[in-house]
Protein backbone atom coordinates (compact mmCIF):
# COMPACT_ATOMS: atom_id res chain seq x y z
CA UNK A 1 0.00 0.00 0.00
CA UNK A 2 2.80 2.40 0.89
CA UNK A 3 4.50 1.64 -2.43
CA UNK A 4 1.37 2.67 -4.36
CA UNK A 5 1.12 5.98 -2.48
CA UNK A 6 4.81 6.73 -3.10
CA UNK A 7 4.34 5.84 -6.79
CA UNK A 8 1.38 8.22 -7.10
CA UNK A 9 3.35 11.01 -5.41
CA UNK A 10 6.28 10.44 -7.79
CA UNK A 11 3.96 10.52 -10.83
CA UNK A 12 2.33 13.76 -9.64
CA UNK A 13 5.76 15.33 -9.06
CA UNK A 14 6.98 14.31 -12.52
CA UNK A 15 3.83 15.67 -14.22
CA UNK A 16 4.17 18.92 -12.26
CA UNK A 17 7.83 19.35 -13.21
CA UNK A 18 7.19 18.54 -16.87
CA UNK A 19 4.28 20.99 -16.99
CA UNK A 20 6.32 23.69 -15.27
CA UNK A 21 9.17 23.19 -17.71
CA UNK A 22 7.25 22.79 -20.97
CA UNK A 23 3.95 24.46 -20.06
CA UNK A 24 2.05 21.80 -22.01
CA UNK A 25 -1.26 22.27 -20.22
CA UNK A 26 -1.45 26.02 -20.65
CA UNK A 27 -0.08 28.26 -23.33
CA UNK A 28 1.45 31.72 -23.01
CA UNK A 29 -0.70 34.08 -20.99
CA UNK A 30 -2.58 31.19 -19.39
CA UNK A 31 -4.68 30.42 -22.46
CA UNK A 32 -5.36 26.82 -23.30
CA UNK A 33 -3.44 25.46 -26.29
CA UNK A 34 -5.37 25.71 -29.52
CA UNK A 35 -7.44 28.77 -28.61
CA UNK A 36 -7.50 31.72 -30.98
CA UNK A 37 -5.77 33.96 -28.43
CA UNK A 38 -3.01 31.45 -27.79
CA UNK A 39 -2.47 30.66 -31.48
CA UNK A 40 -2.31 34.36 -32.35
CA UNK A 41 0.20 34.99 -29.53
CA UNK A 42 2.38 32.14 -30.79
CA UNK A 43 2.26 33.54 -34.33
CA UNK A 44 3.21 37.00 -33.03
CA UNK A 45 6.17 35.54 -31.16
CA UNK A 46 7.48 33.78 -34.27
CA UNK A 47 7.10 36.90 -36.42
CA UNK A 48 9.32 38.89 -34.03
CA UNK A 49 7.82 42.28 -34.79
CA UNK A 50 5.71 44.79 -32.88
CA UNK A 51 2.28 43.33 -31.99
CA UNK A 52 0.26 45.73 -34.18
CA UNK A 53 2.40 44.96 -37.23
CA UNK A 54 2.33 41.24 -36.47
CA UNK A 55 -1.48 41.35 -36.24
CA UNK A 56 -1.67 42.96 -39.69
CA UNK A 57 0.60 40.27 -41.12
CA UNK A 58 -1.41 37.52 -39.40
CA UNK A 59 -4.67 38.97 -40.77
CA UNK A 60 -3.22 38.96 -44.29
CA UNK A 61 -2.01 35.39 -43.86
CA UNK A 62 -5.48 34.36 -42.64
CA UNK A 63 -7.07 35.93 -45.72
CA UNK A 64 -4.61 34.09 -47.96
CA UNK A 65 -5.38 30.78 -46.21
CA UNK A 66 -9.13 31.45 -46.54
CA UNK A 67 -8.64 31.75 -50.31
CA UNK A 68 -6.59 28.53 -50.45
CA UNK A 69 -8.68 26.54 -47.94
CA UNK A 70 -12.21 27.97 -47.70
CA UNK A 71 -14.67 26.96 -45.02
CA UNK A 72 -12.27 26.27 -42.14
CA UNK A 73 -12.47 27.68 -38.61
CA UNK A 74 -10.41 30.66 -37.45
CA UNK A 75 -8.43 28.31 -35.20
CA UNK A 76 -7.66 26.07 -38.19
CA UNK A 77 -6.26 29.01 -40.17
CA UNK A 78 -4.16 30.20 -37.21
CA UNK A 79 -2.90 26.67 -36.61
CA UNK A 80 -1.91 26.37 -40.29
CA UNK A 81 -0.13 29.73 -40.18
CA UNK A 82 1.69 28.71 -36.99
CA UNK A 83 2.71 25.40 -38.59
CA UNK A 84 4.06 27.22 -41.67
CA UNK A 85 5.93 29.81 -39.56
CA UNK A 86 7.55 27.10 -37.43
CA UNK A 87 8.47 25.13 -40.54
CA UNK A 88 10.08 28.22 -42.10
CA UNK A 89 11.96 28.94 -38.85
CA UNK A 90 13.76 25.61 -39.09
CA UNK A 91 14.94 26.08 -42.68
PDB file of N, CA and C in Angstrom:
ATOM      1  N   UNK A   1       0.813  -1.196   0.000  1.00  0.00           N
ATOM      2  CA  UNK A   1       0.000   0.000   0.000  1.00  0.00           C
ATOM      3  C   UNK A   1       0.859   1.264   0.000  1.00  0.00           C
ATOM      4  N   UNK A   2       1.903   1.254   0.818  1.00  0.00           N
ATOM      5  CA  UNK A   2       2.799   2.401   0.888  1.00  0.00           C
ATOM      6  C   UNK A   2       3.494   2.630  -0.453  1.00  0.00           C
ATOM      7  N   UNK A   3       3.843   1.540  -1.134  1.00  0.00           N
ATOM      8  CA  UNK A   3       4.497   1.642  -2.434  1.00  0.00           C
ATOM      9  C   UNK A   3       3.611   2.321  -3.468  1.00  0.00           C
ATOM     10  N   UNK A   4       2.311   2.050  -3.421  1.00  0.00           N
ATOM     11  CA  UNK A   4       1.369   2.672  -4.359  1.00  0.00           C
ATOM     12  C   UNK A   4       1.283   4.167  -4.105  1.00  0.00           C
ATOM     13  N   UNK A   5       1.203   4.554  -2.835  1.00  0.00           N
ATOM     14  CA  UNK A   5       1.120   5.978  -2.484  1.00  0.00           C
ATOM     15  C   UNK A   5       2.387   6.712  -2.922  1.00  0.00           C
ATOM     16  N   UNK A   6       3.540   6.111  -2.677  1.00  0.00           N
ATOM     17  CA  UNK A   6       4.808   6.726  -3.099  1.00  0.00           C
ATOM     18  C   UNK A   6       4.849   6.839  -4.627  1.00  0.00           C
ATOM     19  N   UNK A   7       4.382   5.788  -5.330  1.00  0.00           N
ATOM     20  CA  UNK A   7       4.340   5.837  -6.794  1.00  0.00           C
ATOM     21  C   UNK A   7       3.461   6.959  -7.310  1.00  0.00           C
ATOM     22  N   UNK A   8       2.301   7.146  -6.690  1.00  0.00           N
ATOM     23  CA  UNK A   8       1.383   8.225  -7.098  1.00  0.00           C
ATOM     24  C   UNK A   8       2.026   9.582  -6.852  1.00  0.00           C
ATOM     25  N   UNK A   9       2.684   9.739  -5.718  1.00  0.00           N
ATOM     26  CA  UNK A   9       3.351  11.008  -5.411  1.00  0.00           C
ATOM     27  C   UNK A   9       4.457  11.293  -6.428  1.00  0.00           C
ATOM     28  N   UNK A  10       5.208  10.277  -6.794  1.00  0.00           N
ATOM     29  CA  UNK A  10       6.278  10.440  -7.790  1.00  0.00           C
ATOM     30  C   UNK A  10       5.678  10.841  -9.140  1.00  0.00           C
ATOM     31  N   UNK A  11       4.609  10.198  -9.554  1.00  0.00           N
ATOM     32  CA  UNK A  11       3.965  10.524 -10.832  1.00  0.00           C
ATOM     33  C   UNK A  11       3.464  11.974 -10.827  1.00  0.00           C
ATOM     34  N   UNK A  12       2.814  12.378  -9.745  1.00  0.00           N
ATOM     35  CA  UNK A  12       2.326  13.758  -9.645  1.00  0.00           C
ATOM     36  C   UNK A  12       3.489  14.746  -9.723  1.00  0.00           C
ATOM     37  N   UNK A  13       4.599  14.439  -9.030  1.00  0.00           N
ATOM     38  CA  UNK A  13       5.764  15.329  -9.056  1.00  0.00           C
ATOM     39  C   UNK A  13       6.347  15.431 -10.459  1.00  0.00           C
ATOM     40  N   UNK A  14       6.431  14.308 -11.164  1.00  0.00           N
ATOM     41  CA  UNK A  14       6.977  14.313 -12.523  1.00  0.00           C
ATOM     42  C   UNK A  14       6.076  15.124 -13.454  1.00  0.00           C
ATOM     43  N   UNK A  15       4.766  14.917 -13.375  1.00  0.00           N
ATOM     44  CA  UNK A  15       3.831  15.672 -14.216  1.00  0.00           C
ATOM     45  C   UNK A  15       3.942  17.157 -13.907  1.00  0.00           C
ATOM     46  N   UNK A  16       4.036  17.518 -12.639  1.00  0.00           N
ATOM     47  CA  UNK A  16       4.171  18.919 -12.256  1.00  0.00           C
ATOM     48  C   UNK A  16       5.451  19.528 -12.841  1.00  0.00           C
ATOM     49  N   UNK A  17       6.555  18.824 -12.704  1.00  0.00           N
ATOM     50  CA  UNK A  17       7.827  19.349 -13.214  1.00  0.00           C
ATOM     51  C   UNK A  17       7.830  19.455 -14.737  1.00  0.00           C
ATOM     52  N   UNK A  18       7.263  18.470 -15.411  1.00  0.00           N
ATOM     53  CA  UNK A  18       7.188  18.540 -16.874  1.00  0.00           C
ATOM     54  C   UNK A  18       6.321  19.710 -17.301  1.00  0.00           C
ATOM     55  N   UNK A  19       5.167  19.880 -16.653  1.00  0.00           N
ATOM     56  CA  UNK A  19       4.283  20.993 -16.995  1.00  0.00           C
ATOM     57  C   UNK A  19       4.956  22.323 -16.726  1.00  0.00           C
ATOM     58  N   UNK A  20       5.638  22.436 -15.605  1.00  0.00           N
ATOM     59  CA  UNK A  20       6.320  23.688 -15.267  1.00  0.00           C
ATOM     60  C   UNK A  20       7.393  24.022 -16.294  1.00  0.00           C
ATOM     61  N   UNK A  21       8.076  22.981 -16.760  1.00  0.00           N
ATOM     62  CA  UNK A  21       9.175  23.188 -17.705  1.00  0.00           C
ATOM     63  C   UNK A  21       8.686  23.447 -19.126  1.00  0.00           C
ATOM     64  N   UNK A  22       7.688  22.694 -19.578  1.00  0.00           N
ATOM     65  CA  UNK A  22       7.246  22.793 -20.969  1.00  0.00           C
ATOM     66  C   UNK A  22       5.951  23.557 -21.134  1.00  0.00           C
ATOM     67  N   UNK A  23       5.214  23.736 -20.027  1.00  0.00           N
ATOM     68  CA  UNK A  23       3.948  24.463 -20.062  1.00  0.00           C
ATOM     69  C   UNK A  23       2.977  23.827 -21.053  1.00  0.00           C
ATOM     70  N   UNK A  24       2.866  22.488 -21.034  1.00  0.00           N
ATOM     71  CA  UNK A  24       2.045  21.797 -22.012  1.00  0.00           C
ATOM     72  C   UNK A  24       0.557  21.918 -21.750  1.00  0.00           C
ATOM     73  N   UNK A  25       0.162  22.200 -20.511  1.00  0.00           N
ATOM     74  CA  UNK A  25      -1.262  22.270 -20.216  1.00  0.00           C
ATOM     75  C   UNK A  25      -1.833  23.661 -20.414  1.00  0.00           C
ATOM     76  N   UNK A  26      -1.010  24.651 -20.394  1.00  0.00           N
ATOM     77  CA  UNK A  26      -1.450  26.021 -20.653  1.00  0.00           C
ATOM     78  C   UNK A  26      -0.449  26.679 -21.579  1.00  0.00           C
ATOM     79  N   UNK A  27      -0.950  27.536 -22.428  1.00  0.00           N
ATOM     80  CA  UNK A  27      -0.075  28.258 -23.327  1.00  0.00           C
ATOM     81  C   UNK A  27       0.353  29.576 -22.720  1.00  0.00           C
ATOM     82  N   UNK A  28       1.033  30.412 -23.500  1.00  0.00           N
ATOM     83  CA  UNK A  28       1.449  31.724 -23.012  1.00  0.00           C
ATOM     84  C   UNK A  28       0.249  32.533 -22.561  1.00  0.00           C
ATOM     85  N   UNK A  29       0.381  33.249 -21.482  1.00  0.00           N
ATOM     86  CA  UNK A  29      -0.703  34.076 -20.986  1.00  0.00           C
ATOM     87  C   UNK A  29      -1.799  33.283 -20.294  1.00  0.00           C
ATOM     88  N   UNK A  30      -1.596  32.004 -20.072  1.00  0.00           N
ATOM     89  CA  UNK A  30      -2.580  31.188 -19.388  1.00  0.00           C
ATOM     90  C   UNK A  30      -3.683  30.648 -20.268  1.00  0.00           C
ATOM     91  N   UNK A  31      -3.651  30.925 -21.550  1.00  0.00           N
ATOM     92  CA  UNK A  31      -4.681  30.423 -22.459  1.00  0.00           C
ATOM     93  C   UNK A  31      -4.437  28.951 -22.743  1.00  0.00           C
ATOM     94  N   UNK A  32      -5.501  28.232 -22.963  1.00  0.00           N
ATOM     95  CA  UNK A  32      -5.359  26.824 -23.299  1.00  0.00           C
ATOM     96  C   UNK A  32      -4.809  26.682 -24.705  1.00  0.00           C
ATOM     97  N   UNK A  33      -3.967  25.667 -24.944  1.00  0.00           N
ATOM     98  CA  UNK A  33      -3.437  25.458 -26.288  1.00  0.00           C
ATOM     99  C   UNK A  33      -4.567  25.285 -27.292  1.00  0.00           C
ATOM    100  N   UNK A  34      -4.393  25.864 -28.466  1.00  0.00           N
ATOM    101  CA  UNK A  34      -5.373  25.712 -29.524  1.00  0.00           C
ATOM    102  C   UNK A  34      -6.425  26.798 -29.563  1.00  0.00           C
ATOM    103  N   UNK A  35      -6.459  27.691 -28.571  1.00  0.00           N
ATOM    104  CA  UNK A  35      -7.437  28.773 -28.614  1.00  0.00           C
ATOM    105  C   UNK A  35      -6.936  29.863 -29.551  1.00  0.00           C
ATOM    106  N   UNK A  36      -7.883  30.645 -30.063  1.00  0.00           N
ATOM    107  CA  UNK A  36      -7.495  31.720 -30.980  1.00  0.00           C
ATOM    108  C   UNK A  36      -6.465  32.644 -30.352  1.00  0.00           C
ATOM    109  N   UNK A  37      -6.696  33.029 -29.096  1.00  0.00           N
ATOM    110  CA  UNK A  37      -5.773  33.956 -28.428  1.00  0.00           C
ATOM    111  C   UNK A  37      -4.381  33.352 -28.350  1.00  0.00           C
ATOM    112  N   UNK A  38      -4.305  32.108 -27.930  1.00  0.00           N
ATOM    113  CA  UNK A  38      -3.013  31.447 -27.794  1.00  0.00           C
ATOM    114  C   UNK A  38      -2.322  31.291 -29.143  1.00  0.00           C
ATOM    115  N   UNK A  39      -3.058  30.855 -30.146  1.00  0.00           N
ATOM    116  CA  UNK A  39      -2.468  30.662 -31.476  1.00  0.00           C
ATOM    117  C   UNK A  39      -1.957  31.982 -32.038  1.00  0.00           C
ATOM    118  N   UNK A  40      -2.731  33.049 -31.851  1.00  0.00           N
ATOM    119  CA  UNK A  40      -2.310  34.364 -32.346  1.00  0.00           C
ATOM    120  C   UNK A  40      -1.059  34.830 -31.615  1.00  0.00           C
ATOM    121  N   UNK A  41      -0.990  34.609 -30.297  1.00  0.00           N
ATOM    122  CA  UNK A  41       0.197  34.989 -29.529  1.00  0.00           C
ATOM    123  C   UNK A  41       1.431  34.222 -30.003  1.00  0.00           C
ATOM    124  N   UNK A  42       1.255  32.942 -30.298  1.00  0.00           N
ATOM    125  CA  UNK A  42       2.383  32.142 -30.786  1.00  0.00           C
ATOM    126  C   UNK A  42       2.841  32.632 -32.152  1.00  0.00           C
ATOM    127  N   UNK A  43       1.902  32.994 -33.017  1.00  0.00           N
ATOM    128  CA  UNK A  43       2.265  33.539 -34.327  1.00  0.00           C
ATOM    129  C   UNK A  43       3.023  34.844 -34.170  1.00  0.00           C
ATOM    130  N   UNK A  44       2.530  35.718 -33.277  1.00  0.00           N
ATOM    131  CA  UNK A  44       3.211  36.997 -33.032  1.00  0.00           C
ATOM    132  C   UNK A  44       4.642  36.763 -32.583  1.00  0.00           C
ATOM    133  N   UNK A  45       4.831  35.814 -31.684  1.00  0.00           N
ATOM    134  CA  UNK A  45       6.170  35.542 -31.156  1.00  0.00           C
ATOM    135  C   UNK A  45       7.116  35.087 -32.264  1.00  0.00           C
ATOM    136  N   UNK A  46       6.626  34.268 -33.181  1.00  0.00           N
ATOM    137  CA  UNK A  46       7.478  33.785 -34.271  1.00  0.00           C
ATOM    138  C   UNK A  46       7.781  34.875 -35.292  1.00  0.00           C
ATOM    139  N   UNK A  47       6.868  35.824 -35.448  1.00  0.00           N
ATOM    140  CA  UNK A  47       7.101  36.899 -36.421  1.00  0.00           C
ATOM    141  C   UNK A  47       8.136  37.900 -35.930  1.00  0.00           C
ATOM    142  N   UNK A  48       8.307  38.010 -34.622  1.00  0.00           N
ATOM    143  CA  UNK A  48       9.323  38.890 -34.031  1.00  0.00           C
ATOM    144  C   UNK A  48       9.239  40.320 -34.557  1.00  0.00           C
ATOM    145  N   UNK A  49       8.042  40.883 -34.425  1.00  0.00           N
ATOM    146  CA  UNK A  49       7.825  42.279 -34.789  1.00  0.00           C
ATOM    147  C   UNK A  49       6.834  42.867 -33.805  1.00  0.00           C
ATOM    148  N   UNK A  50       6.666  44.187 -33.802  1.00  0.00           N
ATOM    149  CA  UNK A  50       5.707  44.788 -32.878  1.00  0.00           C
ATOM    150  C   UNK A  50       4.310  44.160 -33.045  1.00  0.00           C
ATOM    151  N   UNK A  51       3.571  44.027 -31.947  1.00  0.00           N
ATOM    152  CA  UNK A  51       2.283  43.333 -31.994  1.00  0.00           C
ATOM    153  C   UNK A  51       1.291  43.868 -33.033  1.00  0.00           C
ATOM    154  N   UNK A  52       1.208  45.190 -33.202  1.00  0.00           N
ATOM    155  CA  UNK A  52       0.256  45.731 -34.179  1.00  0.00           C
ATOM    156  C   UNK A  52       0.651  45.361 -35.610  1.00  0.00           C
ATOM    157  N   UNK A  53       1.938  45.377 -35.898  1.00  0.00           N
ATOM    158  CA  UNK A  53       2.404  44.964 -37.229  1.00  0.00           C
ATOM    159  C   UNK A  53       2.205  43.464 -37.429  1.00  0.00           C
ATOM    160  N   UNK A  54       2.510  42.696 -36.385  1.00  0.00           N
ATOM    161  CA  UNK A  54       2.334  41.244 -36.469  1.00  0.00           C
ATOM    162  C   UNK A  54       0.870  40.897 -36.710  1.00  0.00           C
ATOM    163  N   UNK A  55      -0.047  41.609 -36.046  1.00  0.00           N
ATOM    164  CA  UNK A  55      -1.479  41.352 -36.244  1.00  0.00           C
ATOM    165  C   UNK A  55      -1.903  41.627 -37.683  1.00  0.00           C
ATOM    166  N   UNK A  56      -1.351  42.677 -38.284  1.00  0.00           N
ATOM    167  CA  UNK A  56      -1.668  42.963 -39.691  1.00  0.00           C
ATOM    168  C   UNK A  56      -1.175  41.842 -40.595  1.00  0.00           C
ATOM    169  N   UNK A  57       0.037  41.363 -40.325  1.00  0.00           N
ATOM    170  CA  UNK A  57       0.598  40.265 -41.120  1.00  0.00           C
ATOM    171  C   UNK A  57      -0.247  39.006 -40.931  1.00  0.00           C
ATOM    172  N   UNK A  58      -0.602  38.707 -39.688  1.00  0.00           N
ATOM    173  CA  UNK A  58      -1.414  37.522 -39.404  1.00  0.00           C
ATOM    174  C   UNK A  58      -2.758  37.616 -40.109  1.00  0.00           C
ATOM    175  N   UNK A  59      -3.378  38.792 -40.082  1.00  0.00           N
ATOM    176  CA  UNK A  59      -4.667  38.972 -40.767  1.00  0.00           C
ATOM    177  C   UNK A  59      -4.538  38.727 -42.271  1.00  0.00           C
ATOM    178  N   UNK A  60      -3.442  39.210 -42.860  1.00  0.00           N
ATOM    179  CA  UNK A  60      -3.217  38.960 -44.292  1.00  0.00           C
ATOM    180  C   UNK A  60      -2.998  37.480 -44.567  1.00  0.00           C
ATOM    181  N   UNK A  61      -2.238  36.821 -43.693  1.00  0.00           N
ATOM    182  CA  UNK A  61      -2.010  35.387 -43.861  1.00  0.00           C
ATOM    183  C   UNK A  61      -3.305  34.589 -43.707  1.00  0.00           C
ATOM    184  N   UNK A  62      -4.172  35.017 -42.799  1.00  0.00           N
ATOM    185  CA  UNK A  62      -5.475  34.357 -42.639  1.00  0.00           C
ATOM    186  C   UNK A  62      -6.292  34.508 -43.919  1.00  0.00           C
ATOM    187  N   UNK A  63      -6.314  35.703 -44.475  1.00  0.00           N
ATOM    188  CA  UNK A  63      -7.074  35.926 -45.723  1.00  0.00           C
ATOM    189  C   UNK A  63      -6.535  35.049 -46.848  1.00  0.00           C
ATOM    190  N   UNK A  64      -5.219  34.929 -46.928  1.00  0.00           N
ATOM    191  CA  UNK A  64      -4.614  34.088 -47.960  1.00  0.00           C
ATOM    192  C   UNK A  64      -5.016  32.623 -47.751  1.00  0.00           C
ATOM    193  N   UNK A  65      -4.990  32.168 -46.486  1.00  0.00           N
ATOM    194  CA  UNK A  65      -5.381  30.784 -46.209  1.00  0.00           C
ATOM    195  C   UNK A  65      -6.873  30.556 -46.488  1.00  0.00           C
ATOM    196  N   UNK A  66      -7.692  31.579 -46.251  1.00  0.00           N
ATOM    197  CA  UNK A  66      -9.129  31.451 -46.544  1.00  0.00           C
ATOM    198  C   UNK A  66      -9.359  31.275 -48.048  1.00  0.00           C
ATOM    199  N   UNK A  67      -8.533  31.919 -48.851  1.00  0.00           N
ATOM    200  CA  UNK A  67      -8.641  31.749 -50.307  1.00  0.00           C
ATOM    201  C   UNK A  67      -8.198  30.340 -50.716  1.00  0.00           C
ATOM    202  N   UNK A  68      -7.116  29.854 -50.103  1.00  0.00           N
ATOM    203  CA  UNK A  68      -6.588  28.533 -50.451  1.00  0.00           C
ATOM    204  C   UNK A  68      -7.431  27.400 -49.882  1.00  0.00           C
ATOM    205  N   UNK A  69      -7.953  27.586 -48.670  1.00  0.00           N
ATOM    206  CA  UNK A  69      -8.678  26.538 -47.941  1.00  0.00           C
ATOM    207  C   UNK A  69      -9.975  27.102 -47.364  1.00  0.00           C
ATOM    208  N   UNK A  70     -10.972  27.350 -48.196  1.00  0.00           N
ATOM    209  CA  UNK A  70     -12.210  27.968 -47.697  1.00  0.00           C
ATOM    210  C   UNK A  70     -12.984  27.048 -46.755  1.00  0.00           C
ATOM    211  N   UNK A  71     -13.751  27.699 -45.866  1.00  0.00           N
ATOM    212  CA  UNK A  71     -14.674  26.960 -45.017  1.00  0.00           C
ATOM    213  C   UNK A  71     -14.103  26.409 -43.729  1.00  0.00           C
ATOM    214  N   UNK A  72     -12.881  26.768 -43.377  1.00  0.00           N
ATOM    215  CA  UNK A  72     -12.273  26.265 -42.144  1.00  0.00           C
ATOM    216  C   UNK A  72     -12.533  27.254 -41.001  1.00  0.00           C
ATOM    217  N   UNK A  73     -12.293  26.811 -39.771  1.00  0.00           N
ATOM    218  CA  UNK A  73     -12.473  27.684 -38.607  1.00  0.00           C
ATOM    219  C   UNK A  73     -11.278  28.634 -38.479  1.00  0.00           C
ATOM    220  N   UNK A  74     -11.489  29.688 -37.705  1.00  0.00           N
ATOM    221  CA  UNK A  74     -10.412  30.658 -37.452  1.00  0.00           C
ATOM    222  C   UNK A  74      -9.217  29.963 -36.788  1.00  0.00           C
ATOM    223  N   UNK A  75      -9.505  29.047 -35.862  1.00  0.00           N
ATOM    224  CA  UNK A  75      -8.433  28.313 -35.195  1.00  0.00           C
ATOM    225  C   UNK A  75      -7.638  27.474 -36.206  1.00  0.00           C
ATOM    226  N   UNK A  76      -8.336  26.885 -37.175  1.00  0.00           N
ATOM    227  CA  UNK A  76      -7.657  26.071 -38.186  1.00  0.00           C
ATOM    228  C   UNK A  76      -6.675  26.929 -38.976  1.00  0.00           C
ATOM    229  N   UNK A  77      -7.139  28.120 -39.398  1.00  0.00           N
ATOM    230  CA  UNK A  77      -6.259  29.011 -40.169  1.00  0.00           C
ATOM    231  C   UNK A  77      -5.049  29.434 -39.331  1.00  0.00           C
ATOM    232  N   UNK A  78      -5.273  29.796 -38.066  1.00  0.00           N
ATOM    233  CA  UNK A  78      -4.161  30.198 -37.211  1.00  0.00           C
ATOM    234  C   UNK A  78      -3.198  29.036 -36.974  1.00  0.00           C
ATOM    235  N   UNK A  79      -3.741  27.841 -36.795  1.00  0.00           N
ATOM    236  CA  UNK A  79      -2.895  26.669 -36.607  1.00  0.00           C
ATOM    237  C   UNK A  79      -2.049  26.400 -37.854  1.00  0.00           C
ATOM    238  N   UNK A  80      -2.635  26.560 -39.023  1.00  0.00           N
ATOM    239  CA  UNK A  80      -1.908  26.367 -40.290  1.00  0.00           C
ATOM    240  C   UNK A  80      -0.808  27.418 -40.436  1.00  0.00           C
ATOM    241  N   UNK A  81      -1.123  28.658 -40.098  1.00  0.00           N
ATOM    242  CA  UNK A  81      -0.131  29.732 -40.176  1.00  0.00           C
ATOM    243  C   UNK A  81       1.010  29.451 -39.200  1.00  0.00           C
ATOM    244  N   UNK A  82       0.674  29.041 -37.986  1.00  0.00           N
ATOM    245  CA  UNK A  82       1.693  28.711 -36.989  1.00  0.00           C
ATOM    246  C   UNK A  82       2.575  27.563 -37.475  1.00  0.00           C
ATOM    247  N   UNK A  83       1.952  26.538 -38.050  1.00  0.00           N
ATOM    248  CA  UNK A  83       2.710  25.403 -38.594  1.00  0.00           C
ATOM    249  C   UNK A  83       3.690  25.884 -39.663  1.00  0.00           C
ATOM    250  N   UNK A  84       3.203  26.718 -40.584  1.00  0.00           N
ATOM    251  CA  UNK A  84       4.062  27.223 -41.665  1.00  0.00           C
ATOM    252  C   UNK A  84       5.195  28.093 -41.124  1.00  0.00           C
ATOM    253  N   UNK A  85       4.892  28.951 -40.134  1.00  0.00           N
ATOM    254  CA  UNK A  85       5.932  29.808 -39.565  1.00  0.00           C
ATOM    255  C   UNK A  85       7.000  28.976 -38.857  1.00  0.00           C
ATOM    256  N   UNK A  86       6.573  27.949 -38.111  1.00  0.00           N
ATOM    257  CA  UNK A  86       7.548  27.096 -37.430  1.00  0.00           C
ATOM    258  C   UNK A  86       8.382  26.313 -38.436  1.00  0.00           C
ATOM    259  N   UNK A  87       7.749  25.852 -39.510  1.00  0.00           N
ATOM    260  CA  UNK A  87       8.474  25.132 -40.543  1.00  0.00           C
ATOM    261  C   UNK A  87       9.532  26.038 -41.196  1.00  0.00           C
ATOM    262  N   UNK A  88       9.146  27.276 -41.488  1.00  0.00           N
ATOM    263  CA  UNK A  88      10.081  28.225 -42.101  1.00  0.00           C
ATOM    264  C   UNK A  88      11.222  28.585 -41.140  1.00  0.00           C
ATOM    265  N   UNK A  89      10.936  28.601 -39.840  1.00  0.00           N
ATOM    266  CA  UNK A  89      11.956  28.938 -38.854  1.00  0.00           C
ATOM    267  C   UNK A  89      13.081  27.906 -38.844  1.00  0.00           C
ATOM    268  N   UNK A  90      12.758  26.670 -39.152  1.00  0.00           N
ATOM    269  CA  UNK A  90      13.762  25.608 -39.094  1.00  0.00           C
ATOM    270  C   UNK A  90      14.484  25.386 -40.417  1.00  0.00           C
ATOM    271  N   UNK A  91      14.239  26.212 -41.387  1.00  0.00           N
ATOM    272  CA  UNK A  91      14.940  26.080 -42.678  1.00  0.00           C
ATOM    273  C   UNK A  91      16.310  26.659 -42.613  1.00  0.00           C
TER     274      UNK A  91
END
